[in-house]
Amino acid sequence: MSGDILQRLTETLESRKSAAPDSSYVARLFSKGDDAILKKVIEEAGEVLLAAKEGDPAHLVYEVADLWFHSMVLLAQHGLTADAVLLELARREGISGIAEKAARKQE
């Protein structure tokens, strides 16, 4: 299920890149460029934090969905998809967070 929705969303986002800005919210975001998209990601991240502090699980899930969505818009803006993030998570699987951070410092 999760892979299906990510694939459908990726396809929808890709189609919105060439759509007229007045045809959809996402097309308008793409037309405004990185600054508008980044502003939405930051806004949604803040709303996730507030929802987490509120303690309402349903609200937290709702806000995380908004954050993931806008993060996917940002990825699409840069020619990337959720698959790139999933591959990175798979790469990290089974690696200690401490070891992973230490390896980054050596690069």
PDB file of N, CA and C in Angstrom:
ATOM      1  N   MET A   1       0.817  -1.202   0.000  1.00  0.00           N
ATOM      2  CA  MET A   1       0.000   0.000   0.000  1.00  0.00           C
ATOM      3  C   MET A   1       0.856   1.259   0.000  1.00  0.00           C
ATOM      4  N   SER A   2       1.828   1.358   0.918  1.00  0.00           N
ATOM      5  CA  SER A   2       2.608   2.588   1.020  1.00  0.00           C
ATOM      6  C   SER A   2       3.380   2.878  -0.261  1.00  0.00           C
ATOM      7  N   GLY A   3       3.935   1.835  -0.887  1.00  0.00           N
ATOM      8  CA  GLY A   3       4.655   2.035  -2.132  1.00  0.00           C
ATOM      9  C   GLY A   3       3.747   2.527  -3.245  1.00  0.00           C
ATOM     10  N   ASP A   4       2.526   2.017  -3.259  1.00  0.00           N
ATOM     11  CA  ASP A   4       1.576   2.428  -4.287  1.00  0.00           C
ATOM     12  C   ASP A   4       1.254   3.911  -4.180  1.00  0.00           C
ATOM     13  N   ILE A   5       0.978   4.384  -2.979  1.00  0.00           N
ATOM     14  CA  ILE A   5       0.615   5.798  -2.823  1.00  0.00           C
ATOM     15  C   ILE A   5       1.808   6.690  -3.138  1.00  0.00           C
ATOM     16  N   LEU A   6       2.998   6.270  -2.743  1.00  0.00           N
ATOM     17  CA  LEU A   6       4.181   7.070  -3.064  1.00  0.00           C
ATOM     18  C   LEU A   6       4.391   7.141  -4.571  1.00  0.00           C
ATOM     19  N   GLN A   7       4.183   6.040  -5.263  1.00  0.00           N
ATOM     20  CA  GLN A   7       4.335   6.026  -6.720  1.00  0.00           C
ATOM     21  C   GLN A   7       3.283   6.912  -7.388  1.00  0.00           C
ATOM     22  N   ARG A   8       2.038   6.794  -6.944  1.00  0.00           N
ATOM     23  CA  ARG A   8       0.977   7.625  -7.536  1.00  0.00           C
ATOM     24  C   ARG A   8       1.230   9.094  -7.263  1.00  0.00           C
ATOM     25  N   LEU A   9       1.653   9.412  -6.055  1.00  0.00           N
ATOM     26  CA  LEU A   9       1.942  10.806  -5.715  1.00  0.00           C
ATOM     27  C   LEU A   9       3.117  11.326  -6.541  1.00  0.00           C
ATOM     28  N   THR A  10       4.144  10.510  -6.703  1.00  0.00           N
ATOM     29  CA  THR A  10       5.295  10.905  -7.527  1.00  0.00           C
ATOM     30  C   THR A  10       4.847  11.224  -8.950  1.00  0.00           C
ATOM     31  N   GLU A  11       3.997  10.388  -9.516  1.00  0.00           N
ATOM     32  CA  GLU A  11       3.498  10.612 -10.870  1.00  0.00           C
ATOM     33  C   GLU A  11       2.664  11.885 -10.952  1.00  0.00           C
ATOM     34  N   THR A  12       1.843  12.127  -9.944  1.00  0.00           N
ATOM     35  CA  THR A  12       1.018  13.335  -9.924  1.00  0.00           C
ATOM     36  C   THR A  12       1.896  14.576  -9.832  1.00  0.00           C
ATOM     37  N   LEU A  13       2.876  14.532  -8.942  1.00  0.00           N
ATOM     38  CA  LEU A  13       3.772  15.687  -8.792  1.00  0.00           C
ATOM     39  C   LEU A  13       4.506  15.968 -10.097  1.00  0.00           C
ATOM     40  N   GLU A  14       4.976  14.922 -10.740  1.00  0.00           N
ATOM     41  CA  GLU A  14       5.688  15.105 -12.008  1.00  0.00           C
ATOM     42  C   GLU A  14       4.789  15.762 -13.049  1.00  0.00           C
ATOM     43  N   SER A  15       3.524  15.357 -13.095  1.00  0.00           N
ATOM     44  CA  SER A  15       2.602  15.941 -14.076  1.00  0.00           C
ATOM     45  C   SER A  15       2.300  17.405 -13.762  1.00  0.00           C
ATOM     46  N   ARG A  16       2.374  17.780 -12.501  1.00  0.00           N
ATOM     47  CA  ARG A  16       2.083  19.167 -12.108  1.00  0.00           C
ATOM     48  C   ARG A  16       3.219  20.117 -12.454  1.00  0.00           C
ATOM     49  N   LYS A  17       4.418  19.585 -12.675  1.00  0.00           N
ATOM     50  CA  LYS A  17       5.559  20.440 -13.002  1.00  0.00           C
ATOM     51  C   LYS A  17       5.325  21.225 -14.290  1.00  0.00           C
ATOM     52  N   SER A  18       4.619  20.619 -15.229  1.00  0.00           N
ATOM     53  CA  SER A  18       4.384  21.286 -16.517  1.00  0.00           C
ATOM     54  C   SER A  18       2.982  21.882 -16.618  1.00  0.00           C
ATOM     55  N   ALA A  19       2.221  21.821 -15.546  1.00  0.00           N
ATOM     56  CA  ALA A  19       0.844  22.344 -15.570  1.00  0.00           C
ATOM     57  C   ALA A  19       0.838  23.853 -15.349  1.00  0.00           C
ATOM     58  N   ALA A  20      -0.229  24.473 -15.778  1.00  0.00           N
ATOM     59  CA  ALA A  20      -0.384  25.915 -15.571  1.00  0.00           C
ATOM     60  C   ALA A  20      -0.496  26.209 -14.078  1.00  0.00           C
ATOM     61  N   PRO A  21       0.151  27.274 -13.610  1.00  0.00           N
ATOM     62  CA  PRO A  21       0.135  27.598 -12.189  1.00  0.00           C
ATOM     63  C   PRO A  21      -1.260  27.758 -11.591  1.00  0.00           C
ATOM     64  N   ASP A  22      -2.209  28.172 -12.391  1.00  0.00           N
ATOM     65  CA  ASP A  22      -3.566  28.356 -11.861  1.00  0.00           C
ATOM     66  C   ASP A  22      -4.385  27.071 -11.883  1.00  0.00           C
ATOM     67  N   SER A  23      -3.771  25.962 -12.323  1.00  0.00           N
ATOM     68  CA  SER A  23      -4.517  24.708 -12.431  1.00  0.00           C
ATOM     69  C   SER A  23      -4.489  23.876 -11.150  1.00  0.00           C
ATOM     70  N   SER A  24      -3.486  24.092 -10.279  1.00  0.00           N
ATOM     71  CA  SER A  24      -3.426  23.335  -9.036  1.00  0.00           C
ATOM     72  C   SER A  24      -2.494  24.016  -8.042  1.00  0.00           C
ATOM     73  N   TYR A  25      -2.674  23.674  -6.791  1.00  0.00           N
ATOM     74  CA  TYR A  25      -1.819  24.184  -5.724  1.00  0.00           C
ATOM     75  C   TYR A  25      -0.357  23.817  -5.970  1.00  0.00           C
ATOM     76  N   VAL A  26      -0.099  22.564  -6.348  1.00  0.00           N
ATOM     77  CA  VAL A  26       1.269  22.102  -6.564  1.00  0.00           C
ATOM     78  C   VAL A  26       1.885  22.787  -7.782  1.00  0.00           C
ATOM     79  N   ALA A  27       1.132  22.939  -8.852  1.00  0.00           N
ATOM     80  CA  ALA A  27       1.642  23.642 -10.034  1.00  0.00           C
ATOM     81  C   ALA A  27       2.038  25.070  -9.664  1.00  0.00           C
ATOM     82  N   ARG A  28       1.248  25.697  -8.808  1.00  0.00           N
ATOM     83  CA  ARG A  28       1.564  27.054  -8.360  1.00  0.00           C
ATOM     84  C   ARG A  28       2.852  27.058  -7.529  1.00  0.00           C
ATOM     85  N   LEU A  29       3.006  26.065  -6.640  1.00  0.00           N
ATOM     86  CA  LEU A  29       4.241  25.970  -5.856  1.00  0.00           C
ATOM     87  C   LEU A  29       5.452  25.803  -6.774  1.00  0.00           C
ATOM     88  N   PHE A  30       5.347  24.894  -7.738  1.00  0.00           N
ATOM     89  CA  PHE A  30       6.456  24.694  -8.673  1.00  0.00           C
ATOM     90  C   PHE A  30       6.792  25.983  -9.414  1.00  0.00           C
ATOM     91  N   SER A  31       5.775  26.722  -9.814  1.00  0.00           N
ATOM     92  CA  SER A  31       6.020  27.951 -10.576  1.00  0.00           C
ATOM     93  C   SER A  31       6.714  29.017  -9.733  1.00  0.00           C
ATOM     94  N   LYS A  32       6.505  28.971  -8.419  1.00  0.00           N
ATOM     95  CA  LYS A  32       7.135  29.953  -7.527  1.00  0.00           C
ATOM     96  C   LYS A  32       8.578  29.580  -7.180  1.00  0.00           C
ATOM     97  N   GLY A  33       8.937  28.307  -7.360  1.00  0.00           N
ATOM     98  CA  GLY A  33      10.317  27.891  -7.174  1.00  0.00           C
ATOM     99  C   GLY A  33      10.675  27.476  -5.761  1.00  0.00           C
ATOM    100  N   ASP A  34      11.985  27.267  -5.585  1.00  0.00           N
ATOM    101  CA  ASP A  34      12.516  26.737  -4.335  1.00  0.00           C
ATOM    102  C   ASP A  34      12.090  27.506  -3.092  1.00  0.00           C
ATOM    103  N   ASP A  35      12.164  28.828  -3.137  1.00  0.00           N
ATOM    104  CA  ASP A  35      11.870  29.601  -1.925  1.00  0.00           C
ATOM    105  C   ASP A  35      10.473  29.327  -1.394  1.00  0.00           C
ATOM    106  N   ALA A  36       9.481  29.275  -2.268  1.00  0.00           N
ATOM    107  CA  ALA A  36       8.104  29.012  -1.840  1.00  0.00           C
ATOM    108  C   ALA A  36       7.966  27.588  -1.303  1.00  0.00           C
ATOM    109  N   ILE A  37       8.611  26.652  -1.969  1.00  0.00           N
ATOM    110  CA  ILE A  37       8.531  25.254  -1.532  1.00  0.00           C
ATOM    111  C   ILE A  37       9.239  25.086  -0.191  1.00  0.00           C
ATOM    112  N   LEU A  38      10.414  25.664  -0.060  1.00  0.00           N
ATOM    113  CA  LEU A  38      11.156  25.581   1.200  1.00  0.00           C
ATOM    114  C   LEU A  38      10.375  26.219   2.348  1.00  0.00           C
ATOM    115  N   LYS A  39       9.727  27.318   2.070  1.00  0.00           N
ATOM    116  CA  LYS A  39       8.908  27.972   3.097  1.00  0.00           C
ATOM    117  C   LYS A  39       7.802  27.034   3.585  1.00  0.00           C
ATOM    118  N   LYS A  40       7.174  26.307   2.660  1.00  0.00           N
ATOM    119  CA  LYS A  40       6.124  25.362   3.051  1.00  0.00           C
ATOM    120  C   LYS A  40       6.693  24.201   3.858  1.00  0.00           C
ATOM    121  N   VAL A  41       7.871  23.697   3.489  1.00  0.00           N
ATOM    122  CA  VAL A  41       8.479  22.600   4.249  1.00  0.00           C
ATOM    123  C   VAL A  41       8.764  23.061   5.674  1.00  0.00           C
ATOM    124  N   ILE A  42       9.320  24.249   5.814  1.00  0.00           N
ATOM    125  CA  ILE A  42       9.612  24.785   7.148  1.00  0.00           C
ATOM    126  C   ILE A  42       8.321  24.970   7.945  1.00  0.00           C
ATOM    127  N   GLU A  43       7.304  25.530   7.306  1.00  0.00           N
ATOM    128  CA  GLU A  43       6.013  25.732   7.966  1.00  0.00           C
ATOM    129  C   GLU A  43       5.434  24.408   8.450  1.00  0.00           C
ATOM    130  N   GLU A  44       5.458  23.411   7.581  1.00  0.00           N
ATOM    131  CA  GLU A  44       4.893  22.109   7.947  1.00  0.00           C
ATOM    132  C   GLU A  44       5.713  21.433   9.047  1.00  0.00           C
ATOM    133  N   ALA A  45       7.036  21.594   9.027  1.00  0.00           N
ATOM    134  CA  ALA A  45       7.875  21.020  10.092  1.00  0.00           C
ATOM    135  C   ALA A  45       7.500  21.638  11.439  1.00  0.00           C
ATOM    136  N   GLY A  46       7.255  22.924  11.454  1.00  0.00           N
ATOM    137  CA  GLY A  46       6.826  23.583  12.690  1.00  0.00           C
ATOM    138  C   GLY A  46       5.484  23.056  13.173  1.00  0.00           C
ATOM    139  N   GLU A  47       4.579  22.818  12.248  1.00  0.00           N
ATOM    140  CA  GLU A  47       3.268  22.292  12.620  1.00  0.00           C
ATOM    141  C   GLU A  47       3.378  20.863  13.162  1.00  0.00           C
ATOM    142  N   VAL A  48       4.336  20.092  12.657  1.00  0.00           N
ATOM    143  CA  VAL A  48       4.581  18.747  13.198  1.00  0.00           C
ATOM    144  C   VAL A  48       5.028  18.862  14.649  1.00  0.00           C
ATOM    145  N   LEU A  49       5.932  19.769  14.914  1.00  0.00           N
ATOM    146  CA  LEU A  49       6.419  19.947  16.288  1.00  0.00           C
ATOM    147  C   LEU A  49       5.283  20.328  17.233  1.00  0.00           C
ATOM    148  N   LEU A  50       4.455  21.261  16.817  1.00  0.00           N
ATOM    149  CA  LEU A  50       3.333  21.684  17.656  1.00  0.00           C
ATOM    150  C   LEU A  50       2.345  20.537  17.878  1.00  0.00           C
ATOM    151  N   ALA A  51       2.076  19.773  16.834  1.00  0.00           N
ATOM    152  CA  ALA A  51       1.143  18.649  16.971  1.00  0.00           C
ATOM    153  C   ALA A  51       1.705  17.592  17.916  1.00  0.00           C
ATOM    154  N   ALA A  52       3.006  17.357  17.859  1.00  0.00           N
ATOM    155  CA  ALA A  52       3.622  16.376  18.746  1.00  0.00           C
ATOM    156  C   ALA A  52       3.499  16.808  20.198  1.00  0.00           C
ATOM    157  N   LYS A  53       3.709  18.085  20.455  1.00  0.00           N
ATOM    158  CA  LYS A  53       3.601  18.604  21.822  1.00  0.00           C
ATOM    159  C   LYS A  53       2.161  18.567  22.317  1.00  0.00           C
ATOM    160  N   GLU A  54       1.216  18.681  21.401  1.00  0.00           N
ATOM    161  CA  GLU A  54      -0.213  18.672  21.724  1.00  0.00           C
ATOM    162  C   GLU A  54      -0.662  17.292  22.240  1.00  0.00           C
ATOM    163  N   GLY A  55      -0.015  16.262  21.726  1.00  0.00           N
ATOM    164  CA  GLY A  55      -0.316  14.916  22.203  1.00  0.00           C
ATOM    165  C   GLY A  55      -1.478  14.222  21.528  1.00  0.00           C
ATOM    166  N   ASP A  56      -1.985  14.775  20.429  1.00  0.00           N
ATOM    167  CA  ASP A  56      -3.096  14.155  19.700  1.00  0.00           C
ATOM    168  C   ASP A  56      -2.520  13.345  18.539  1.00  0.00           C
ATOM    169  N   PRO A  57      -2.536  12.010  18.633  1.00  0.00           N
ATOM    170  CA  PRO A  57      -1.920  11.185  17.584  1.00  0.00           C
ATOM    171  C   PRO A  57      -2.485  11.441  16.183  1.00  0.00           C
ATOM    172  N   ALA A  58      -3.778  11.633  16.070  1.00  0.00           N
ATOM    173  CA  ALA A  58      -4.383  11.853  14.754  1.00  0.00           C
ATOM    174  C   ALA A  58      -3.895  13.164  14.145  1.00  0.00           C
ATOM    175  N   HIS A  59      -3.781  14.196  14.969  1.00  0.00           N
ATOM    176  CA  HIS A  59      -3.295  15.483  14.471  1.00  0.00           C
ATOM    177  C   HIS A  59      -1.831  15.374  14.056  1.00  0.00           C
ATOM    178  N   LEU A  60      -1.046  14.631  14.823  1.00  0.00           N
ATOM    179  CA  LEU A  60       0.361  14.435  14.487  1.00  0.00           C
ATOM    180  C   LEU A  60       0.497  13.731  13.136  1.00  0.00           C
ATOM    181  N   VAL A  61      -0.269  12.681  12.921  1.00  0.00           N
ATOM    182  CA  VAL A  61      -0.225  11.967  11.645  1.00  0.00           C
ATOM    183  C   VAL A  61      -0.612  12.902  10.502  1.00  0.00           C
ATOM    184  N   TYR A  62      -1.645  13.704  10.699  1.00  0.00           N
ATOM    185  CA  TYR A  62      -2.101  14.651   9.685  1.00  0.00           C
ATOM    186  C   TYR A  62      -0.981  15.622   9.303  1.00  0.00           C
ATOM    187  N   GLU A  63      -0.318  16.163  10.314  1.00  0.00           N
ATOM    188  CA  GLU A  63       0.739  17.143  10.057  1.00  0.00           C
ATOM    189  C   GLU A  63       1.977  16.502   9.439  1.00  0.00           C
ATOM    190  N   VAL A  64       2.307  15.279   9.859  1.00  0.00           N
ATOM    191  CA  VAL A  64       3.444  14.585   9.244  1.00  0.00           C
ATOM    192  C   VAL A  64       3.131  14.297   7.767  1.00  0.00           C
ATOM    193  N   ALA A  65       1.885  13.961   7.465  1.00  0.00           N
ATOM    194  CA  ALA A  65       1.497  13.755   6.065  1.00  0.00           C
ATOM    195  C   ALA A  65       1.727  15.029   5.257  1.00  0.00           C
ATOM    196  N   ASP A  66       1.370  16.182   5.817  1.00  0.00           N
ATOM    197  CA  ASP A  66       1.631  17.456   5.136  1.00  0.00           C
ATOM    198  C   ASP A  66       3.130  17.671   4.924  1.00  0.00           C
ATOM    199  N   LEU A  67       3.919  17.361   5.945  1.00  0.00           N
ATOM    200  CA  LEU A  67       5.371  17.530   5.835  1.00  0.00           C
ATOM    201  C   LEU A  67       5.941  16.602   4.769  1.00  0.00           C
ATOM    202  N   TRP A  68       5.520  15.336   4.788  1.00  0.00           N
ATOM    203  CA  TRP A  68       6.003  14.392   3.777  1.00  0.00           C
ATOM    204  C   TRP A  68       5.609  14.857   2.378  1.00  0.00           C
ATOM    205  N   PHE A  69       4.368  15.305   2.229  1.00  0.00           N
ATOM    206  CA  PHE A  69       3.891  15.765   0.932  1.00  0.00           C
ATOM    207  C   PHE A  69       4.761  16.911   0.411  1.00  0.00           C
ATOM    208  N   HIS A  70       4.957  17.918   1.254  1.00  0.00           N
ATOM    209  CA  HIS A  70       5.731  19.073   0.803  1.00  0.00           C
ATOM    210  C   HIS A  70       7.207  18.728   0.608  1.00  0.00           C
ATOM    211  N   SER A  71       7.702  17.756   1.362  1.00  0.00           N
ATOM    212  CA  SER A  71       9.072  17.271   1.135  1.00  0.00           C
ATOM    213  C   SER A  71       9.168  16.578  -0.221  1.00  0.00           C
ATOM    214  N   MET A  72       8.126  15.862  -0.595  1.00  0.00           N
ATOM    215  CA  MET A  72       8.106  15.219  -1.913  1.00  0.00           C
ATOM    216  C   MET A  72       8.018  16.254  -3.029  1.00  0.00           C
ATOM    217  N   VAL A  73       7.309  17.350  -2.790  1.00  0.00           N
ATOM    218  CA  VAL A  73       7.283  18.444  -3.767  1.00  0.00           C
ATOM    219  C   VAL A  73       8.704  18.988  -3.933  1.00  0.00           C
ATOM    220  N   LEU A  74       9.399  19.186  -2.824  1.00  0.00           N
ATOM    221  CA  LEU A  74      10.778  19.678  -2.871  1.00  0.00           C
ATOM    222  C   LEU A  74      11.687  18.705  -3.629  1.00  0.00           C
ATOM    223  N   LEU A  75      11.555  17.423  -3.342  1.00  0.00           N
ATOM    224  CA  LEU A  75      12.340  16.423  -4.064  1.00  0.00           C
ATOM    225  C   LEU A  75      12.058  16.503  -5.567  1.00  0.00           C
ATOM    226  N   ALA A  76      10.784  16.567  -5.927  1.00  0.00           N
ATOM    227  CA  ALA A  76      10.402  16.634  -7.340  1.00  0.00           C
ATOM    228  C   ALA A  76      10.981  17.880  -8.001  1.00  0.00           C
ATOM    229  N   GLN A  77      10.994  18.971  -7.281  1.00  0.00           N
ATOM    230  CA  GLN A  77      11.557  20.224  -7.802  1.00  0.00           C
ATOM    231  C   GLN A  77      13.021  20.022  -8.194  1.00  0.00           C
ATOM    232  N   HIS A  78      13.685  19.118  -7.500  1.00  0.00           N
ATOM    233  CA  HIS A  78      15.111  18.867  -7.746  1.00  0.00           C
ATOM    234  C   HIS A  78      15.355  17.577  -8.533  1.00  0.00           C
ATOM    235  N   GLY A  79      14.294  17.073  -9.166  1.00  0.00           N
ATOM    236  CA  GLY A  79      14.436  15.898 -10.013  1.00  0.00           C
ATOM    237  C   GLY A  79      14.619  14.592  -9.253  1.00  0.00           C
ATOM    238  N   LEU A  80      14.194  14.569  -8.000  1.00  0.00           N
ATOM    239  CA  LEU A  80      14.330  13.388  -7.157  1.00  0.00           C
ATOM    240  C   LEU A  80      12.954  12.852  -6.781  1.00  0.00           C
ATOM    241  N   THR A  81      12.926  11.627  -6.258  1.00  0.00           N
ATOM    242  CA  THR A  81      11.666  11.033  -5.821  1.00  0.00           C
ATOM    243  C   THR A  81      11.835  10.437  -4.425  1.00  0.00           C
ATOM    244  N   ALA A  82      10.734   9.989  -3.877  1.00  0.00           N
ATOM    245  CA  ALA A  82      10.767   9.319  -2.575  1.00  0.00           C
ATOM    246  C   ALA A  82      11.648   8.084  -2.622  1.00  0.00           C
ATOM    247  N   ASP A  83      11.781   7.467  -3.789  1.00  0.00           N
ATOM    248  CA  ASP A  83      12.640   6.287  -3.920  1.00  0.00           C
ATOM    249  C   ASP A  83      14.075   6.593  -3.516  1.00  0.00           C
ATOM    250  N   ALA A  84      14.563   7.776  -3.830  1.00  0.00           N
ATOM    251  CA  ALA A  84      15.928   8.152  -3.451  1.00  0.00           C
ATOM    252  C   ALA A  84      16.072   8.166  -1.935  1.00  0.00           C
ATOM    253  N   VAL A  85      15.049   8.657  -1.250  1.00  0.00           N
ATOM    254  CA  VAL A  85      15.069   8.696   0.220  1.00  0.00           C
ATOM    255  C   VAL A  85      14.962   7.275   0.774  1.00  0.00           C
ATOM    256  N   LEU A  86      14.089   6.469   0.180  1.00  0.00           N
ATOM    257  CA  LEU A  86      13.940   5.082   0.632  1.00  0.00           C
ATOM    258  C   LEU A  86      15.234   4.296   0.440  1.00  0.00           C
ATOM    259  N   LEU A  87      15.930   4.541  -0.655  1.00  0.00           N
ATOM    260  CA  LEU A  87      17.221   3.877  -0.874  1.00  0.00           C
ATOM    261  C   LEU A  87      18.243   4.297   0.172  1.00  0.00           C
ATOM    262  N   GLU A  88      18.228   5.572   0.531  1.00  0.00           N
ATOM    263  CA  GLU A  88      19.149   6.050   1.566  1.00  0.00           C
ATOM    264  C   GLU A  88      18.812   5.429   2.921  1.00  0.00           C
ATOM    265  N   LEU A  89      17.535   5.323   3.227  1.00  0.00           N
ATOM    266  CA  LEU A  89      17.136   4.670   4.476  1.00  0.00           C
ATOM    267  C   LEU A  89      17.551   3.203   4.478  1.00  0.00           C
ATOM    268  N   ALA A  90      17.402   2.536   3.344  1.00  0.00           N
ATOM    269  CA  ALA A  90      17.816   1.135   3.242  1.00  0.00           C
ATOM    270  C   ALA A  90      19.324   1.010   3.425  1.00  0.00           C
ATOM    271  N   ARG A  91      20.069   1.964   2.878  1.00  0.00           N
ATOM    272  CA  ARG A  91      21.517   1.944   3.032  1.00  0.00           C
ATOM    273  C   ARG A  91      21.918   2.043   4.500  1.00  0.00           C
ATOM    274  N   ARG A  92      21.162   2.842   5.242  1.00  0.00           N
ATOM    275  CA  ARG A  92      21.471   3.063   6.655  1.00  0.00           C
ATOM    276  C   ARG A  92      20.975   1.952   7.568  1.00  0.00           C
ATOM    277  N   GLU A  93      20.072   1.128   7.067  1.00  0.00           N
ATOM    278  CA  GLU A  93      19.472   0.092   7.897  1.00  0.00           C
ATOM    279  C   GLU A  93      20.555  -0.803   8.492  1.00  0.00           C
ATOM    280  N   GLY A  94      20.477  -1.001   9.777  1.00  0.00           N
ATOM    281  CA  GLY A  94      21.421  -1.868  10.458  1.00  0.00           C
ATOM    282  C   GLY A  94      22.729  -1.199  10.820  1.00  0.00           C
ATOM    283  N   ILE A  95      22.876   0.073  10.445  1.00  0.00           N
ATOM    284  CA  ILE A  95      24.085   0.813  10.799  1.00  0.00           C
ATOM    285  C   ILE A  95      23.778   1.637  12.040  1.00  0.00           C
ATOM    286  N   SER A  96      24.627   1.549  13.013  1.00  0.00           N
ATOM    287  CA  SER A  96      24.457   2.342  14.224  1.00  0.00           C
ATOM    288  C   SER A  96      24.456   3.827  13.868  1.00  0.00           C
ATOM    289  N   GLY A  97      23.587   4.589  14.502  1.00  0.00           N
ATOM    290  CA  GLY A  97      23.557   6.034  14.288  1.00  0.00           C
ATOM    291  C   GLY A  97      24.886   6.686  14.626  1.00  0.00           C
ATOM    292  N   ILE A  98      25.539   6.178  15.626  1.00  0.00           N
ATOM    293  CA  ILE A  98      26.843   6.709  16.023  1.00  0.00           C
ATOM    294  C   ILE A  98      27.870   6.439  14.921  1.00  0.00           C
ATOM    295  N   ALA A  99      27.874   5.225  14.396  1.00  0.00           N
ATOM    296  CA  ALA A  99      28.810   4.877  13.328  1.00  0.00           C
ATOM    297  C   ALA A  99      28.499   5.672  12.057  1.00  0.00           C
ATOM    298  N   GLU A 100      27.223   5.836  11.756  1.00  0.00           N
ATOM    299  CA  GLU A 100      26.833   6.576  10.549  1.00  0.00           C
ATOM    300  C   GLU A 100      27.302   8.019  10.635  1.00  0.00           C
ATOM    301  N   LYS A 101      27.123   8.656  11.786  1.00  0.00           N
ATOM    302  CA  LYS A 101      27.567  10.043  11.956  1.00  0.00           C
ATOM    303  C   LYS A 101      29.087  10.142  11.895  1.00  0.00           C
ATOM    304  N   ALA A 102      29.795   9.190  12.466  1.00  0.00           N
ATOM    305  CA  ALA A 102      31.253   9.179  12.439  1.00  0.00           C
ATOM    306  C   ALA A 102      31.755   9.069  10.993  1.00  0.00           C
ATOM    307  N   ALA A 103      31.082   8.243  10.178  1.00  0.00           N
ATOM    308  CA  ALA A 103      31.477   8.084   8.783  1.00  0.00           C
ATOM    309  C   ALA A 103      31.276   9.383   8.003  1.00  0.00           C
ATOM    310  N   ARG A 104      30.233  10.142   8.341  1.00  0.00           N
ATOM    311  CA  ARG A 104      29.995  11.420   7.661  1.00  0.00           C
ATOM    312  C   ARG A 104      31.102  12.405   7.947  1.00  0.00           C
ATOM    313  N   LYS A 105      31.634  12.409   9.166  1.00  0.00           N
ATOM    314  CA  LYS A 105      32.702  13.337   9.548  1.00  0.00           C
ATOM    315  C   LYS A 105      33.991  13.048   8.790  1.00  0.00           C
ATOM    316  N   GLN A 106      34.184  11.798   8.380  1.00  0.00           N
ATOM    317  CA  GLN A 106      35.407  11.408   7.678  1.00  0.00           C
ATOM    318  C   GLN A 106      35.342  11.769   6.201  1.00  0.00           C
ATOM    319  N   GLU A 107      34.166  12.034   5.682  1.00  0.00           N
ATOM    320  CA  GLU A 107      34.019  12.333   4.229  1.00  0.00           C
ATOM    321  C   GLU A 107      34.488  13.718   3.895  1.00  0.00           C
TER     322      GLU A 107
END
